[in-house]
C-alpha atoms as a PDB file:
ATOM      1  CA  MET A   1      40.993 123.706  18.522  1.00  0.00           C
ATOM      2  CA  ALA A   2      39.096 123.822  15.224  1.00  0.00           C
ATOM      3  CA  ALA A   3      41.986 122.002  13.536  1.00  0.00           C
ATOM      4  CA  MET A   4      41.759 119.233  16.149  1.00  0.00           C
ATOM      5  CA  LEU A   5      38.013 118.837  15.590  1.00  0.00           C
ATOM      6  CA  LEU A   6      38.432 118.769  11.820  1.00  0.00           C
ATOM      7  CA  GLY A   7      41.265 116.269  12.143  1.00  0.00           C
ATOM      8  CA  SER A   8      39.169 114.106  14.423  1.00  0.00           C
ATOM      9  CA  ALA A   9      36.144 114.211  12.102  1.00  0.00           C
ATOM     10  CA  GLY A  10      38.373 113.437   9.136  1.00  0.00           C
ATOM     11  CA  CYS A  11      39.859 110.381  10.840  1.00  0.00           C
ATOM     12  CA  ARG A  12      36.439 109.070  11.761  1.00  0.00           C
ATOM     13  CA  SER A  13      35.290 109.408   8.145  1.00  0.00           C
ATOM     14  CA  LEU A  14      38.465 107.735   6.968  1.00  0.00           C
ATOM     15  CA  PHE A  15      37.922 104.809   9.351  1.00  0.00           C
ATOM     16  CA  THR A  16      34.278 104.515   8.287  1.00  0.00           C
ATOM     17  CA  ILE A  17      35.261 104.382   4.622  1.00  0.00           C
ATOM     18  CA  ALA A  18      38.012 101.847   5.334  1.00  0.00           C
ATOM     19  CA  ALA A  19      35.627  99.635   7.327  1.00  0.00           C
ATOM     20  CA  TYR A  20      33.061  99.806   4.522  1.00  0.00           C
ATOM     21  CA  MET A  21      35.665  98.849   1.932  1.00  0.00           C
ATOM     22  CA  LEU A  22      36.932  95.924   4.007  1.00  0.00           C
ATOM     23  CA  LYS A  23      33.444  94.595   4.734  1.00  0.00           C
ATOM     24  CA  SER A  24      32.578  91.535   2.685  1.00  0.00           C
ATOM     25  CA  HIS A  25      30.136  92.206  -0.145  1.00  0.00           C
ATOM     26  CA  LYS A  26      29.694  88.704  -1.490  1.00  0.00           C
ATOM     27  CA  VAL A  27      27.107  87.766  -4.033  1.00  0.00           C
ATOM     28  CA  GLU A  28      25.207  84.719  -2.814  1.00  0.00           C
ATOM     29  CA  ALA A  29      24.984  81.593  -4.928  1.00  0.00           C
ATOM     30  CA  ASP A  30      22.122  81.560  -7.417  1.00  0.00           C
ATOM     31  CA  TYR A  31      21.682  77.818  -6.909  1.00  0.00           C
ATOM     32  CA  ASN A  32      22.883  75.842  -3.857  1.00  0.00           C
ATOM     33  CA  GLY A  33      21.678  72.423  -4.981  1.00  0.00           C
ATOM     34  CA  LEU A  34      25.160  71.102  -5.820  1.00  0.00           C
ATOM     35  CA  GLN A  35      26.330  71.216  -2.193  1.00  0.00           C
ATOM     36  CA  GLY A  36      27.017  67.745  -0.843  1.00  0.00           C
ATOM     37  CA  LYS A  37      26.228  66.086  -4.185  1.00  0.00           C
ATOM     38  CA  LYS A  38      28.186  63.987  -6.663  1.00  0.00           C
ATOM     39  CA  VAL A  39      28.368  66.164  -9.788  1.00  0.00           C
ATOM     40  CA  ALA A  40      29.430  65.550 -13.381  1.00  0.00           C
ATOM     41  CA  VAL A  41      30.272  68.482 -15.646  1.00  0.00           C
ATOM     42  CA  VAL A  42      29.510  67.909 -19.321  1.00  0.00           C
ATOM     43  CA  CYS A  43      29.981  70.396 -22.144  1.00  0.00           C
ATOM     44  CA  ARG A  44      28.995  70.048 -25.762  1.00  0.00           C
ATOM     45  CA  VAL A  45      29.299  72.234 -28.805  1.00  0.00           C
ATOM     46  CA  LEU A  46      27.249  72.329 -31.973  1.00  0.00           C
ATOM     47  CA  PRO A  47      28.638  69.864 -34.532  1.00  0.00           C
ATOM     48  CA  SER A  48      29.411  72.736 -36.919  1.00  0.00           C
ATOM     49  CA  LEU A  49      31.757  74.272 -34.318  1.00  0.00           C
ATOM     50  CA  GLU A  50      33.466  71.061 -33.234  1.00  0.00           C
ATOM     51  CA  PHE A  51      35.799  70.763 -36.228  1.00  0.00           C
ATOM     52  CA  ASN A  52      37.571  74.051 -35.459  1.00  0.00           C
ATOM     53  CA  ASN A  53      37.457  73.586 -31.676  1.00  0.00           C
ATOM     54  CA  PRO A  54      37.863  69.865 -30.925  1.00  0.00           C
ATOM     55  CA  THR A  55      39.233  70.264 -27.370  1.00  0.00           C
ATOM     56  CA  VAL A  56      37.153  73.191 -26.110  1.00  0.00           C
ATOM     57  CA  THR A  57      34.436  71.077 -24.477  1.00  0.00           C
ATOM     58  CA  LYS A  58      36.932  69.013 -22.471  1.00  0.00           C
ATOM     59  CA  GLU A  59      38.985  72.056 -21.455  1.00  0.00           C
ATOM     60  CA  LEU A  60      35.869  73.976 -20.414  1.00  0.00           C
ATOM     61  CA  ALA A  61      34.451  71.045 -18.424  1.00  0.00           C
ATOM     62  CA  ARG A  62      37.778  70.680 -16.598  1.00  0.00           C
ATOM     63  CA  GLU A  63      37.903  74.415 -15.748  1.00  0.00           C
ATOM     64  CA  ILE A  64      34.310  74.461 -14.486  1.00  0.00           C
ATOM     65  CA  ALA A  65      34.893  71.283 -12.449  1.00  0.00           C
ATOM     66  CA  GLN A  66      37.977  72.855 -10.812  1.00  0.00           C
ATOM     67  CA  GLN A  67      36.028  75.972  -9.840  1.00  0.00           C
ATOM     68  CA  LEU A  68      33.166  73.926  -8.404  1.00  0.00           C
ATOM     69  CA  ALA A  69      35.544  71.649  -6.473  1.00  0.00           C
ATOM     70  CA  GLY A  70      37.296  74.659  -4.972  1.00  0.00           C
ATOM     71  CA  ASN A  71      34.217  76.696  -4.086  1.00  0.00           C
ATOM     72  CA  VAL A  72      31.119  74.528  -3.524  1.00  0.00           C
ATOM     73  CA  LYS A  73      30.814  72.995  -0.040  1.00  0.00           C
ATOM     74  CA  LYS A  74      31.123  69.215   0.172  1.00  0.00           C
ATOM     75  CA  VAL A  75      30.696  68.710  -3.577  1.00  0.00           C
ATOM     76  CA  GLN A  76      32.145  65.548  -5.116  1.00  0.00           C
ATOM     77  CA  ILE A  77      33.177  66.113  -8.717  1.00  0.00           C
ATOM     78  CA  VAL A  78      33.219  63.114 -11.041  1.00  0.00           C
ATOM     79  CA  ASP A  79      36.675  63.036 -12.644  1.00  0.00           C
ATOM     80  CA  PRO A  80      36.376  65.077 -15.874  1.00  0.00           C
ATOM     81  CA  GLN A  81      38.573  62.520 -17.669  1.00  0.00           C
ATOM     82  CA  LYS A  82      36.144  59.746 -16.714  1.00  0.00           C
ATOM     83  CA  VAL A  83      33.248  61.831 -18.029  1.00  0.00           C
ATOM     84  CA  ALA A  84      35.120  62.672 -21.253  1.00  0.00           C
ATOM     85  CA  ALA A  85      36.027  59.016 -21.817  1.00  0.00           C
ATOM     86  CA  TRP A  86      32.392  57.943 -21.466  1.00  0.00           C
ATOM     87  CA  VAL A  87      31.186  60.765 -23.744  1.00  0.00           C
ATOM     88  CA  ASP A  88      33.770  59.826 -26.402  1.00  0.00           C
ATOM     89  CA  ALA A  89      32.930  56.108 -26.273  1.00  0.00           C
ATOM     90  CA  ASN A  90      29.126  56.366 -26.311  1.00  0.00           C
ATOM     91  CA  GLN A  91      26.356  57.975 -28.294  1.00  0.00           C
ATOM     92  CA  TRP A  92      24.139  60.093 -26.094  1.00  0.00           C
ATOM     93  CA  ASN A  93      21.494  62.767 -26.460  1.00  0.00           C
ATOM     94  CA  GLU A  94      20.645  63.986 -22.977  1.00  0.00           C
ATOM     95  CA  TYR A  95      22.835  65.067 -20.071  1.00  0.00           C
ATOM     96  CA  PRO A  96      21.157  62.739 -17.542  1.00  0.00           C
ATOM     97  CA  GLU A  97      22.326  59.761 -19.653  1.00  0.00           C
ATOM     98  CA  VAL A  98      25.908  60.806 -18.989  1.00  0.00           C
ATOM     99  CA  GLY A  99      25.230  61.484 -15.311  1.00  0.00           C
ATOM    100  CA  ASN A 100      23.640  58.081 -14.761  1.00  0.00           C
ATOM    101  CA  ALA A 101      26.480  56.328 -16.600  1.00  0.00           C
ATOM    102  CA  VAL A 102      29.191  57.918 -14.433  1.00  0.00           C
ATOM    103  CA  GLY A 103      27.280  57.657 -11.144  1.00  0.00           C
ATOM    104  CA  ALA A 104      26.484  61.354 -10.694  1.00  0.00           C
ATOM    105  CA  GLU A 105      23.527  62.697  -8.748  1.00  0.00           C
ATOM    106  CA  MET A 106      23.602  66.001 -10.626  1.00  0.00           C
ATOM    107  CA  VAL A 107      24.852  67.031 -14.067  1.00  0.00           C
ATOM    108  CA  VAL A 108      26.015  70.520 -14.914  1.00  0.00           C
ATOM    109  CA  GLY A 109      25.402  70.642 -18.662  1.00  0.00           C
ATOM    110  CA  VAL A 110      26.783  73.401 -20.870  1.00  0.00           C
ATOM    111  CA  ASP A 111      25.742  73.851 -24.493  1.00  0.00           C
ATOM    112  CA  ILE A 112      28.178  76.087 -26.364  1.00  0.00           C
ATOM    113  CA  GLN A 113      26.028  77.748 -29.009  1.00  0.00           C
ATOM    114  CA  ASP A 114      28.784  79.729 -30.692  1.00  0.00           C
ATOM    115  CA  PHE A 115      32.518  79.974 -30.094  1.00  0.00           C
ATOM    116  CA  ALA A 116      35.222  82.075 -31.754  1.00  0.00           C
ATOM    117  CA  THR A 117      38.629  83.366 -30.731  1.00  0.00           C
ATOM    118  CA  GLN A 118      39.434  85.808 -33.522  1.00  0.00           C
ATOM    119  CA  GLN A 119      37.772  89.100 -34.290  1.00  0.00           C
ATOM    120  CA  SER A 120      39.845  89.292 -37.483  1.00  0.00           C
ATOM    121  CA  HIS A 121      43.105  87.838 -38.784  1.00  0.00           C
ATOM    122  CA  THR A 122      45.030  90.406 -36.764  1.00  0.00           C
ATOM    123  CA  LEU A 123      42.938  90.598 -33.572  1.00  0.00           C
ATOM    124  CA  TYR A 124      42.064  88.011 -30.932  1.00  0.00           C
ATOM    125  CA  GLN A 125      38.790  88.424 -29.084  1.00  0.00           C
ATOM    126  CA  GLY A 126      36.973  85.437 -27.633  1.00  0.00           C
ATOM    127  CA  ARG A 127      33.207  85.242 -28.025  1.00  0.00           C
ATOM    128  CA  ALA A 128      30.897  82.483 -26.856  1.00  0.00           C
ATOM    129  CA  GLY A 129      27.184  82.058 -26.312  1.00  0.00           C
ATOM    130  CA  TRP A 130      26.169  79.345 -23.847  1.00  0.00           C
ATOM    131  CA  LEU A 131      23.251  77.670 -22.152  1.00  0.00           C
ATOM    132  CA  LEU A 132      23.777  76.191 -18.695  1.00  0.00           C
ATOM    133  CA  THR A 133      21.386  73.580 -17.303  1.00  0.00           C
ATOM    134  CA  VAL A 134      21.545  71.516 -14.133  1.00  0.00           C
ATOM    135  CA  HIS A 135      19.867  68.114 -14.225  1.00  0.00           C
ATOM    136  CA  ASP A 136      18.941  66.132 -11.120  1.00  0.00           C
ATOM    137  CA  CYS A 137      19.566  62.479 -11.997  1.00  0.00           C
ATOM    138  CA  THR A 138      17.805  61.367  -8.803  1.00  0.00           C
ATOM    139  CA  GLN A 139      14.597  62.950 -10.150  1.00  0.00           C
ATOM    140  CA  GLY A 140      14.693  61.438 -13.622  1.00  0.00           C
ATOM    141  CA  GLY A 141      16.943  64.123 -15.082  1.00  0.00           C
ATOM    142  CA  LYS A 142      14.653  67.016 -14.170  1.00  0.00           C
ATOM    143  CA  VAL A 143      16.102  70.441 -15.049  1.00  0.00           C
ATOM    144  CA  VAL A 144      16.463  72.254 -11.715  1.00  0.00           C
ATOM    145  CA  TYR A 145      18.440  75.311 -12.842  1.00  0.00           C
ATOM    146  CA  GLU A 146      18.942  77.095 -16.144  1.00  0.00           C
ATOM    147  CA  LYS A 147      20.867  80.156 -17.242  1.00  0.00           C
ATOM    148  CA  SER A 148      22.130  81.478 -20.547  1.00  0.00           C
ATOM    149  CA  GLY A 149      24.827  83.981 -21.279  1.00  0.00           C
ATOM    150  CA  ARG A 150      27.320  85.460 -23.661  1.00  0.00           C
ATOM    151  CA  THR A 151      30.972  85.943 -22.806  1.00  0.00           C
ATOM    152  CA  VAL A 152      33.323  88.287 -24.660  1.00  0.00           C
ATOM    153  CA  TYR A 153      37.018  88.571 -23.763  1.00  0.00           C
ATOM    154  CA  PRO A 154      38.506  91.103 -23.710  1.00  0.00           C
ATOM    155  CA  PRO A 155      35.178  92.894 -23.471  1.00  0.00           C
ATOM    156  CA  ASN A 156      35.925  96.132 -25.327  1.00  0.00           C
ATOM    157  CA  THR A 157      38.465  95.416 -28.040  1.00  0.00           C
ATOM    158  CA  GLY A 158      40.625  92.659 -29.430  1.00  0.00           C
ATOM    159  CA  ILE A 159      44.256  91.912 -28.644  1.00  0.00           C
ATOM    160  CA  PRO A 160      46.684  92.313 -31.559  1.00  0.00           C
ATOM    161  CA  ALA A 161      47.795  88.903 -32.824  1.00  0.00           C
ATOM    162  CA  MET A 162      51.443  89.955 -32.569  1.00  0.00           C
ATOM    163  CA  ASP A 163      50.969  90.374 -28.772  1.00  0.00           C
ATOM    164  CA  VAL A 164      49.778  86.769 -28.307  1.00  0.00           C
ATOM    165  CA  PRO A 165      52.226  83.823 -28.483  1.00  0.00           C
ATOM    166  CA  SER A 166      49.713  81.633 -30.333  1.00  0.00           C
ATOM    167  CA  GLU A 167      46.023  81.099 -30.983  1.00  0.00           C
ATOM    168  CA  ALA A 168      46.164  78.021 -28.718  1.00  0.00           C
ATOM    169  CA  ASN A 169      47.464  80.146 -25.811  1.00  0.00           C
ATOM    170  CA  PHE A 170      44.692  82.695 -26.319  1.00  0.00           C
ATOM    171  CA  ARG A 171      42.048  79.938 -26.539  1.00  0.00           C
ATOM    172  CA  ARG A 172      43.224  78.431 -23.213  1.00  0.00           C
ATOM    173  CA  LYS A 173      42.989  81.849 -21.550  1.00  0.00           C
ATOM    174  CA  PHE A 174      39.549  82.458 -23.054  1.00  0.00           C
ATOM    175  CA  VAL A 175      38.287  79.065 -21.858  1.00  0.00           C
ATOM    176  CA  ARG A 176      39.373  79.977 -18.292  1.00  0.00           C
ATOM    177  CA  VAL A 177      37.540  83.309 -18.609  1.00  0.00           C
ATOM    178  CA  LEU A 178      34.471  81.547 -20.067  1.00  0.00           C
ATOM    179  CA  ALA A 179      34.337  79.047 -17.186  1.00  0.00           C
ATOM    180  CA  ASP A 180      33.958  81.835 -14.630  1.00  0.00           C
ATOM    181  CA  PRO A 181      30.403  83.081 -15.383  1.00  0.00           C
ATOM    182  CA  ILE A 182      29.270  79.495 -15.931  1.00  0.00           C
ATOM    183  CA  ALA A 183      30.571  78.237 -12.554  1.00  0.00           C
ATOM    184  CA  ARG A 184      29.784  81.306 -10.407  1.00  0.00           C
ATOM    185  CA  PRO A 185      26.028  80.745 -10.004  1.00  0.00           C
ATOM    186  CA  PHE A 186      26.859  77.793  -7.733  1.00  0.00           C
ATOM    187  CA  PHE A 187      28.891  79.574  -5.024  1.00  0.00           C
ATOM    188  CA  ALA A 188      29.142  82.879  -3.179  1.00  0.00           C
ATOM    189  CA  HIS A 189      31.696  85.218  -4.695  1.00  0.00           C
END
């Protein structure tokens, strides 16, 4: 009889734990203002970093745009190629200039403050500092959201260069990793 009671209590605990683990524990969006809006994603890097990383801003903007398109309700993303073409063809200083030129209501602007993919000649470890701002073009470019961060990948130690096919492959992977904390404030996850 005691074995049956223990077995019964054990099953109940097991079911309780399983139900707890299966329950959704989503983190709500930090900022919901992109829902139902036409959004342009624009990234820029300090001029001193651009020479060594000429494609990073376009790759990062594309990755962020894909995450927003897949996760933010009713968002319309301005084609990242259209945004990049306008940025390349025009001189601009402020994100709202770009947003107005491409017909966006909101601009997700990302300033890359530092960017590196190598810890040393023999180790790859991506590091980037960034500032994220959201500008509402319908309110004169007013900043409606701001967040800064630092991303390190892998977080604890570098990857030996001999384990990575090329620096370009590692950079693409790091850009995907970098896009995640920048895009996540805009949707539940």
